[in-house]
Amino acid sequence: MEKKLLHTPVGVRDIYGEECAKKLHIQSKIHNILSGYGYRDIQTPAFEFFDIFSKEKGSVLSKNMYKFFDREGNTLVLRPDMTPSIARAASKYYMDEDMPIRFCYEADSFINHSEYQGKLKQFTQEGAELIGDNTSDADAEIVVMVIDAMLASGLREFQIEIGQVDFFKGIVEETGIDEETQEKLHELIEIKNYFGVEELISNTDISDDKKKVFLSFSELFGSLDMLDRAAKLTGNKKALKALERLVKLYHILEEYGYEKYVSFDLGMLSKFHYYTGVILKAYTYGTGDAIVTGGRYDSLIKQYGKSAPAIGFAINVDQLMVALSRQKIEVEVDYSNSMVLYKTVHQKQAISFATAMRNKGHKIVLMRKRSSISEDQYKEYALRMGIDKVYTIISPDKMRVDDYTNDTSEEKSIGTEE
């Protein structure tokens, strides 16, 4: 039993040492990008009322949430998705704000994935939400921030796939098929099961021209010219308006010089049903899952009482770190420390020197030397802990400096080290 308690449950893991330092460094770089666009930090609770994420909100399925009860018998859940939490907070604190609101965040989310999926059940998300702006300029700002964040992390080869759920919705609403069939069709297209799509629509009363559109979803991906081909497949106003929106978005991205990072996929739908327009996913080598997901959710916030359009994205930082590692992209962090080693008689000098070094920005471990531990043992400890330099106080005004990176050792006067 004691050994079992040393292990974490399936789907969660400890992150420590240099790996943790690298993850925090990447998060800091991404945060600098988001704050550079004027986004302000927000923190929401790790658990909330179940209704915040209920099926009606279009969030994670109930069976995939971690649920528990408070003392009053209310059903609570660990946060599975940041967007509904931020939508709730915006409705509570910015109910009367008519102008755009920009939020950014770093937080862990929790989804009870099947153990066979091999996914983390606790994962770090870093993202942004732009509330109160329904323009294509807002769409572009979100996409551009994703690209800048990917570049800041060190990635160079990645692709942002952009879809438009209104293209699918416009066509499917026109068919008049029942809600259950719509849901099944949505699911089949989302997972790219086009054999299933063909079988499903063959058993419906959908007209041949509409069937042709659904069967064409497997080919509706690519660059700008694909949108022209898609426009010729339908006369549905909602679907055509969705395509026009993507064209506008593309031209704005051209102004940034970022069009090379973008492709379109009209068959890209989402398991989150609160998305209403542009949706996006970012992919790179080394991971099979999207490292970024996002999109427009113009109707979600209304469910919490505030009528406002919105768009946002979330970066799965853990997936991003996997991709960086597998692509052998080095995350440069200063993980090294220095150590001041002293005997009790030299405590005053050691504290004074360590404080002065910390004030200069150095990372200093202060350790009193024990007679039962040899010099070699201290050296071995330093190397295990990533300590590359040891200052040993040997007299009130002298110290020995052992630099393990250069394999040098010399005596200096205390206070001469920069």
Protein backbone atom coordinates (compact mmCIF):
# COMPACT_ATOMS: atom_id res chain seq x y z
CA MET A 1 0.00 0.00 0.00
CA GLU A 2 2.84 2.39 0.88
CA LYS A 3 4.47 1.82 -2.52
CA LYS A 4 1.14 2.35 -4.29
CA LEU A 5 0.74 5.77 -2.67
CA LEU A 6 4.02 6.89 -4.22
CA HIS A 7 2.48 6.58 -7.69
CA THR A 8 0.00 8.96 -9.29
CA PRO A 9 -3.37 7.80 -10.67
CA VAL A 10 -3.62 7.01 -14.37
CA GLY A 11 -3.82 10.18 -16.44
CA VAL A 12 -1.90 12.53 -14.15
CA ARG A 13 1.83 12.95 -13.60
CA ASP A 14 4.44 14.84 -11.63
CA ILE A 15 6.43 17.47 -13.49
CA TYR A 16 9.64 18.46 -11.74
CA GLY A 17 13.25 19.48 -12.18
CA GLU A 18 14.41 20.86 -15.49
CA GLU A 19 11.26 19.71 -17.31
CA CYS A 20 9.14 21.85 -14.97
CA ALA A 21 11.49 24.82 -15.46
CA LYS A 22 11.16 24.49 -19.25
CA LYS A 23 7.37 24.29 -19.09
CA LEU A 24 7.15 27.42 -16.94
CA HIS A 25 9.57 29.18 -19.30
CA ILE A 26 7.37 28.38 -22.32
CA GLN A 27 4.27 29.51 -20.43
CA SER A 28 5.99 32.80 -19.64
CA LYS A 29 6.89 33.34 -23.31
CA ILE A 30 3.30 32.69 -24.39
CA HIS A 31 1.95 34.94 -21.66
CA ASN A 32 4.19 37.75 -22.89
CA ILE A 33 2.62 37.39 -26.35
CA LEU A 34 -0.94 37.52 -25.02
CA SER A 35 -0.32 40.45 -22.68
CA GLY A 36 1.43 42.22 -25.55
CA TYR A 37 -1.92 42.30 -27.35
CA GLY A 38 -3.56 43.95 -24.35
CA TYR A 39 -5.11 40.84 -22.81
CA ARG A 40 -5.56 40.93 -19.02
CA ASP A 41 -5.18 37.92 -16.75
CA ILE A 42 -8.15 36.16 -15.21
CA GLN A 43 -8.29 33.23 -12.79
CA THR A 44 -11.44 31.17 -12.27
CA PRO A 45 -12.04 28.43 -9.67
CA ALA A 46 -10.75 24.92 -10.31
CA PHE A 47 -14.25 23.62 -9.55
CA GLU A 48 -17.66 25.12 -10.23
CA PHE A 49 -21.35 24.20 -10.27
CA PHE A 50 -22.14 21.40 -12.71
CA ASP A 51 -24.66 23.59 -14.56
CA ILE A 52 -21.86 25.88 -15.80
CA PHE A 53 -20.70 23.01 -18.03
CA SER A 54 -24.00 21.20 -18.64
CA LYS A 55 -24.99 19.61 -21.96
CA GLU A 56 -27.06 22.66 -22.85
CA LYS A 57 -23.92 24.80 -22.73
CA GLY A 58 -22.29 22.50 -25.31
CA SER A 59 -19.22 21.70 -23.23
CA VAL A 60 -17.63 18.38 -22.21
CA LEU A 61 -19.91 15.33 -21.87
CA SER A 62 -21.13 14.72 -18.33
CA LYS A 63 -19.55 11.25 -18.19
CA ASN A 64 -16.14 12.83 -18.85
CA MET A 65 -16.34 15.26 -15.92
CA TYR A 66 -15.04 14.74 -12.40
CA LYS A 67 -18.15 15.31 -10.25
CA PHE A 68 -18.57 15.57 -6.49
CA PHE A 69 -20.87 17.23 -3.93
CA ASP A 70 -20.49 20.10 -1.48
CA ARG A 71 -21.97 20.13 2.05
CA GLU A 72 -25.26 21.53 0.74
CA GLY A 73 -25.65 18.73 -1.78
CA ASN A 74 -24.84 20.83 -4.87
CA THR A 75 -23.17 18.95 -7.72
CA LEU A 76 -19.74 20.40 -8.44
CA VAL A 77 -17.25 19.54 -11.16
CA LEU A 78 -13.54 20.04 -11.67
CA ARG A 79 -13.23 22.54 -14.50
CA PRO A 80 -13.11 20.57 -17.81
CA ASP A 81 -13.04 23.60 -20.09
CA MET A 82 -11.99 27.22 -19.50
CA THR A 83 -14.36 28.92 -21.95
CA PRO A 84 -17.64 28.43 -20.01
CA SER A 85 -15.90 29.58 -16.81
CA ILE A 86 -14.75 32.79 -18.45
CA ALA A 87 -18.15 33.30 -20.08
CA ARG A 88 -19.73 33.06 -16.61
CA ALA A 89 -17.22 35.51 -15.11
CA ALA A 90 -17.69 38.00 -17.96
CA SER A 91 -21.45 37.90 -17.43
CA LYS A 92 -21.05 38.49 -13.71
CA TYR A 93 -18.47 41.27 -13.68
CA TYR A 94 -18.93 42.96 -17.08
CA MET A 95 -22.68 42.72 -17.60
CA ASP A 96 -23.00 46.38 -18.63
CA GLU A 97 -19.78 46.63 -20.67
CA ASP A 98 -20.63 47.12 -24.35
CA MET A 99 -17.06 47.46 -25.63
CA PRO A 100 -14.59 44.56 -26.16
CA ILE A 101 -13.09 42.73 -23.17
CA ARG A 102 -9.81 40.84 -23.48
CA PHE A 103 -8.90 38.02 -21.08
CA CYS A 104 -5.92 35.67 -20.96
CA TYR A 105 -5.27 32.81 -18.59
CA GLU A 106 -3.03 29.95 -17.47
CA ALA A 107 -4.90 27.12 -15.75
CA ASP A 108 -5.26 23.37 -15.40
CA SER A 109 -8.36 21.61 -16.71
CA PHE A 110 -9.59 18.13 -15.88
CA ILE A 111 -11.27 15.63 -18.24
CA ASN A 112 -11.85 12.00 -17.30
CA HIS A 113 -10.67 10.54 -20.60
CA SER A 114 -10.89 6.81 -21.13
CA GLU A 115 -7.67 5.17 -19.93
CA TYR A 116 -7.33 3.55 -23.36
CA GLN A 117 -6.93 6.97 -25.00
CA GLY A 118 -3.62 7.54 -23.25
CA LYS A 119 -4.37 11.24 -22.70
CA LEU A 120 -3.59 13.31 -19.64
CA LYS A 121 -6.63 13.83 -17.44
CA GLN A 122 -5.12 16.96 -15.91
CA PHE A 123 -3.53 19.32 -18.41
CA THR A 124 -2.38 22.92 -18.54
CA GLN A 125 -4.14 25.35 -20.85
CA GLU A 126 -2.97 28.81 -21.78
CA GLY A 127 -5.23 30.95 -23.89
CA ALA A 128 -7.18 34.09 -24.61
CA GLU A 129 -10.80 35.18 -25.00
CA LEU A 130 -11.96 38.27 -26.90
CA ILE A 131 -15.49 39.16 -25.82
CA GLY A 132 -17.73 41.79 -27.39
CA ASP A 133 -16.28 41.93 -30.91
CA ASN A 134 -18.05 40.09 -33.75
CA THR A 135 -15.82 41.30 -36.60
CA SER A 136 -13.48 39.37 -38.86
CA ASP A 137 -10.72 41.57 -37.40
CA ALA A 138 -11.33 39.85 -34.06
CA ASP A 139 -11.14 36.45 -35.78
CA ALA A 140 -7.80 37.46 -37.28
CA GLU A 141 -6.42 38.77 -33.98
CA ILE A 142 -7.04 35.41 -32.36
CA VAL A 143 -5.39 33.48 -35.22
CA VAL A 144 -2.41 35.85 -35.26
CA MET A 145 -1.90 35.45 -31.51
CA VAL A 146 -1.89 31.67 -31.92
CA ILE A 147 0.79 31.96 -34.61
CA ASP A 148 2.87 34.38 -32.53
CA ALA A 149 2.57 32.08 -29.51
CA MET A 150 3.72 29.08 -31.54
CA LEU A 151 6.70 31.01 -32.88
CA ALA A 152 7.57 32.28 -29.39
CA SER A 153 7.59 28.70 -28.09
CA GLY A 154 10.25 27.76 -30.64
CA LEU A 155 8.09 25.95 -33.18
CA ARG A 156 8.73 26.74 -36.83
CA GLU A 157 6.79 24.01 -38.62
CA PHE A 158 3.12 24.08 -37.70
CA GLN A 159 -0.19 24.64 -39.41
CA ILE A 160 -3.37 26.39 -38.32
CA GLU A 161 -6.43 24.68 -39.75
CA ILE A 162 -9.48 26.91 -39.90
CA GLY A 163 -13.06 25.81 -40.34
CA GLN A 164 -16.48 27.47 -40.27
CA VAL A 165 -19.26 25.57 -38.51
CA ASP A 166 -21.91 27.81 -40.08
CA PHE A 167 -21.11 26.27 -43.46
CA PHE A 168 -22.20 22.88 -42.15
CA LYS A 169 -25.09 24.33 -40.12
CA GLY A 170 -26.48 26.30 -43.04
CA ILE A 171 -26.63 23.26 -45.29
CA VAL A 172 -27.90 20.82 -42.68
CA GLU A 173 -30.68 23.19 -41.53
CA GLU A 174 -31.87 23.45 -45.11
CA THR A 175 -32.31 19.67 -45.36
CA GLY A 176 -34.94 19.54 -42.63
CA ILE A 177 -33.54 16.32 -41.14
CA ASP A 178 -34.27 15.60 -37.48
CA GLU A 179 -31.97 16.66 -34.66
CA GLU A 180 -30.73 13.14 -33.92
CA THR A 181 -29.65 12.63 -37.55
CA GLN A 182 -28.00 16.07 -37.53
CA GLU A 183 -26.01 15.08 -34.44
CA LYS A 184 -24.91 11.81 -36.01
CA LEU A 185 -23.94 13.54 -39.26
CA HIS A 186 -21.98 16.14 -37.28
CA GLU A 187 -20.12 13.40 -35.42
CA LEU A 188 -19.29 11.43 -38.58
CA ILE A 189 -17.92 14.48 -40.40
CA GLU A 190 -15.98 15.54 -37.30
CA ILE A 191 -14.14 12.20 -37.15
CA LYS A 192 -13.72 12.11 -40.95
CA ASN A 193 -15.80 8.93 -41.35
CA TYR A 194 -17.07 9.70 -44.83
CA PHE A 195 -18.12 6.11 -45.50
CA GLY A 196 -20.42 6.53 -42.52
CA VAL A 197 -21.64 9.86 -43.94
CA GLU A 198 -22.52 8.22 -47.24
CA GLU A 199 -24.38 5.39 -45.52
CA LEU A 200 -26.28 7.78 -43.23
CA ILE A 201 -27.49 10.19 -45.89
CA SER A 202 -28.44 7.37 -48.26
CA ASN A 203 -31.17 6.48 -45.78
CA THR A 204 -32.63 10.00 -45.64
CA ASP A 205 -34.85 12.12 -47.86
CA ILE A 206 -32.08 14.64 -48.47
CA SER A 207 -32.09 15.91 -52.07
CA ASP A 208 -29.32 14.75 -54.39
CA ASP A 209 -27.68 18.16 -54.58
CA LYS A 210 -27.49 18.35 -50.76
CA LYS A 211 -26.13 14.78 -50.61
CA LYS A 212 -23.45 15.85 -53.06
CA VAL A 213 -22.38 18.65 -50.70
CA PHE A 214 -22.09 16.31 -47.70
CA LEU A 215 -20.14 13.78 -49.76
CA SER A 216 -17.83 16.60 -50.86
CA PHE A 217 -16.76 17.45 -47.30
CA SER A 218 -13.88 14.98 -47.65
CA GLU A 219 -12.43 17.26 -50.35
CA LEU A 220 -13.22 20.65 -48.81
CA PHE A 221 -9.81 21.43 -47.38
CA GLY A 222 -6.87 23.42 -48.69
CA SER A 223 -6.04 27.02 -49.51
CA LEU A 224 -8.09 30.00 -50.62
CA ASP A 225 -9.14 28.50 -53.94
CA MET A 226 -10.94 25.68 -52.11
CA LEU A 227 -13.38 28.23 -50.73
CA ASP A 228 -14.31 29.19 -54.30
CA ARG A 229 -15.02 25.53 -55.11
CA ALA A 230 -17.14 25.20 -51.97
CA ALA A 231 -19.20 28.28 -52.90
CA LYS A 232 -20.21 26.61 -56.16
CA LEU A 233 -21.70 23.64 -54.29
CA THR A 234 -24.48 25.54 -52.55
CA GLY A 235 -26.75 28.53 -52.76
CA ASN A 236 -27.48 28.51 -49.03
CA LYS A 237 -27.09 32.07 -47.70
CA LYS A 238 -25.78 31.05 -44.28
CA ALA A 239 -23.18 28.74 -45.84
CA LEU A 240 -22.08 31.35 -48.39
CA LYS A 241 -21.81 34.00 -45.68
CA ALA A 242 -19.58 31.62 -43.71
CA LEU A 243 -17.27 31.28 -46.71
CA GLU A 244 -17.15 35.06 -47.20
CA ARG A 245 -16.06 35.38 -43.58
CA LEU A 246 -13.15 33.03 -44.17
CA VAL A 247 -12.06 34.98 -47.24
CA LYS A 248 -12.04 38.21 -45.19
CA LEU A 249 -10.03 36.48 -42.48
CA TYR A 250 -7.47 35.26 -45.01
CA HIS A 251 -6.93 38.71 -46.47
CA ILE A 252 -6.33 40.18 -43.00
CA LEU A 253 -3.79 37.44 -42.30
CA GLU A 254 -2.07 38.42 -45.54
CA GLU A 255 -1.56 41.90 -44.06
CA TYR A 256 0.38 40.25 -41.22
CA GLY A 257 2.30 38.04 -43.63
CA TYR A 258 0.95 34.98 -41.82
CA GLU A 259 -1.14 33.35 -44.56
CA LYS A 260 1.52 30.64 -45.03
CA TYR A 261 0.64 29.18 -41.63
CA VAL A 262 -3.04 28.77 -42.47
CA SER A 263 -5.18 26.28 -44.37
CA PHE A 264 -8.94 25.75 -44.45
CA ASP A 265 -10.97 22.64 -43.65
CA LEU A 266 -14.75 22.89 -43.92
CA GLY A 267 -15.07 19.34 -42.62
CA MET A 268 -13.45 20.38 -39.35
CA LEU A 269 -16.16 20.50 -36.72
CA SER A 270 -15.88 20.38 -32.94
CA LYS A 271 -17.20 18.27 -30.10
CA PHE A 272 -17.92 21.57 -28.32
CA HIS A 273 -21.31 22.56 -29.64
CA TYR A 274 -21.14 26.15 -28.41
CA TYR A 275 -19.03 27.16 -31.42
CA THR A 276 -20.98 29.30 -33.88
CA GLY A 277 -18.60 30.38 -36.65
CA VAL A 278 -14.86 30.31 -37.24
CA ILE A 279 -13.11 27.43 -35.48
CA LEU A 280 -9.42 26.57 -35.48
CA LYS A 281 -6.94 23.87 -34.56
CA ALA A 282 -3.16 23.99 -34.67
CA TYR A 283 -1.04 20.96 -35.49
CA THR A 284 2.67 20.23 -35.59
CA TYR A 285 4.97 17.22 -35.85
CA GLY A 286 5.47 14.91 -32.89
CA THR A 287 1.94 14.80 -31.54
CA GLY A 288 -1.20 13.35 -33.06
CA ASP A 289 -3.55 15.71 -31.26
CA ALA A 290 -4.13 19.40 -31.87
CA ILE A 291 -1.93 21.57 -29.66
CA VAL A 292 -4.35 24.51 -29.98
CA THR A 293 -8.14 24.58 -30.27
CA GLY A 294 -10.49 27.52 -30.43
CA GLY A 295 -13.24 29.34 -32.20
CA ARG A 296 -16.14 31.76 -32.10
CA TYR A 297 -18.94 31.23 -29.58
CA ASP A 298 -21.39 34.10 -30.11
CA SER A 299 -24.32 32.47 -28.27
CA LEU A 300 -22.64 30.93 -25.22
CA ILE A 301 -22.33 34.01 -23.00
CA LYS A 302 -26.03 34.76 -23.49
CA GLN A 303 -26.79 31.58 -21.53
CA TYR A 304 -25.23 33.24 -18.47
CA GLY A 305 -27.18 36.46 -18.92
CA LYS A 306 -24.94 38.72 -21.02
CA SER A 307 -25.55 39.06 -24.76
CA ALA A 308 -22.13 39.35 -26.39
CA PRO A 309 -20.21 37.70 -29.25
CA ALA A 310 -16.89 36.11 -28.39
CA ILE A 311 -13.94 34.19 -29.80
CA GLY A 312 -10.95 32.55 -28.15
CA PHE A 313 -8.39 29.77 -28.14
CA ALA A 314 -6.60 27.44 -25.72
CA ILE A 315 -3.09 26.05 -26.07
CA ASN A 316 -2.54 22.60 -24.57
CA VAL A 317 0.85 23.36 -23.02
CA ASP A 318 1.57 19.72 -22.20
CA GLN A 319 1.02 18.67 -25.83
CA LEU A 320 3.17 21.60 -26.94
CA MET A 321 6.01 20.45 -24.68
CA VAL A 322 5.78 16.93 -26.14
CA ALA A 323 6.03 18.37 -29.65
CA LEU A 324 9.05 20.52 -28.77
CA SER A 325 10.80 17.52 -27.22
CA ARG A 326 10.11 15.18 -30.15
CA GLN A 327 11.23 17.82 -32.65
CA LYS A 328 14.42 18.24 -30.58
CA ILE A 329 13.78 21.96 -30.18
CA GLU A 330 15.82 23.03 -27.19
CA VAL A 331 14.07 25.19 -24.59
CA GLU A 332 16.81 27.41 -23.24
CA VAL A 333 16.40 27.90 -19.49
CA ASP A 334 18.95 28.88 -16.87
CA TYR A 335 18.36 25.92 -14.57
CA SER A 336 21.69 26.10 -12.78
CA ASN A 337 22.12 27.26 -9.19
CA SER A 338 25.14 28.12 -7.07
CA MET A 339 25.75 27.05 -3.49
CA VAL A 340 27.39 28.77 -0.55
CA LEU A 341 28.85 26.16 1.83
CA TYR A 342 29.96 27.24 5.29
CA LYS A 343 30.79 26.10 8.81
CA THR A 344 28.91 27.54 11.77
CA VAL A 345 31.83 29.80 12.67
CA HIS A 346 31.52 31.53 9.27
CA GLN A 347 27.71 31.81 9.24
CA LYS A 348 27.67 35.63 9.31
CA GLN A 349 30.00 35.93 6.29
CA ALA A 350 28.07 33.24 4.40
CA ILE A 351 24.70 34.92 4.93
CA SER A 352 26.10 38.31 3.95
CA PHE A 353 27.70 36.94 0.77
CA ALA A 354 24.63 34.88 -0.23
CA THR A 355 22.33 37.88 0.28
CA ALA A 356 24.57 40.12 -1.82
CA MET A 357 24.64 37.53 -4.63
CA ARG A 358 20.84 37.10 -4.57
CA ASN A 359 20.42 40.85 -4.77
CA LYS A 360 22.47 40.74 -7.99
CA GLY A 361 20.09 38.16 -9.46
CA HIS A 362 22.02 34.97 -8.74
CA LYS A 363 20.22 31.82 -7.53
CA ILE A 364 21.94 30.75 -4.33
CA VAL A 365 21.54 27.67 -2.14
CA LEU A 366 22.83 28.43 1.36
CA MET A 367 23.97 25.30 3.22
CA ARG A 368 25.74 24.77 6.52
CA LYS A 369 28.50 22.17 6.21
CA ARG A 370 28.15 19.03 8.31
CA SER A 371 31.25 17.23 9.48
CA SER A 372 29.71 13.85 8.65
CA ILE A 373 29.53 14.71 4.93
CA SER A 374 32.73 14.78 2.87
CA GLU A 375 33.76 17.29 0.20
CA ASP A 376 33.23 14.65 -2.48
CA GLN A 377 29.69 13.99 -1.21
CA TYR A 378 28.87 17.69 -1.41
CA LYS A 379 30.24 17.77 -4.94
CA GLU A 380 28.12 14.75 -5.95
CA TYR A 381 25.06 16.41 -4.37
CA ALA A 382 25.73 19.64 -6.25
CA LEU A 383 25.97 17.84 -9.58
CA ARG A 384 22.72 15.93 -8.89
CA MET A 385 20.91 19.17 -8.07
CA GLY A 386 22.15 21.15 -11.07
CA ILE A 387 24.46 23.30 -8.96
CA ASP A 388 27.39 24.29 -11.14
CA LYS A 389 29.35 26.50 -8.76
CA VAL A 390 30.11 26.10 -5.04
CA TYR A 391 31.46 28.90 -2.83
CA THR A 392 33.02 27.39 0.29
CA ILE A 393 33.75 29.92 3.04
CA ILE A 394 37.15 28.97 4.46
CA SER A 395 37.92 32.06 6.58
CA PRO A 396 36.26 35.38 7.51
CA ASP A 397 37.59 36.96 4.30
CA LYS A 398 38.40 34.00 2.01
CA MET A 399 36.41 31.49 0.02
CA ARG A 400 37.14 28.67 -2.42
CA VAL A 401 35.20 28.73 -5.69
CA ASP A 402 34.65 25.36 -7.39
CA ASP A 403 33.25 25.81 -10.90
CA TYR A 404 32.11 22.40 -12.14
CA THR A 405 31.19 23.64 -15.61
CA ASN A 406 34.82 24.58 -16.27
CA ASP A 407 36.32 22.08 -13.80
CA THR A 408 38.27 24.84 -12.04
CA SER A 409 38.93 25.68 -8.41
CA GLU A 410 40.45 28.85 -6.97
CA GLU A 411 40.56 30.91 -3.81
CA LYS A 412 39.13 34.44 -3.76
CA SER A 413 38.40 37.18 -1.30
CA ILE A 414 34.79 37.20 -0.12
CA GLY A 415 32.84 39.89 -2.01
CA THR A 416 34.90 39.83 -5.20
CA GLU A 417 32.53 37.52 -7.11
CA GLU A 418 30.27 39.27 -9.63
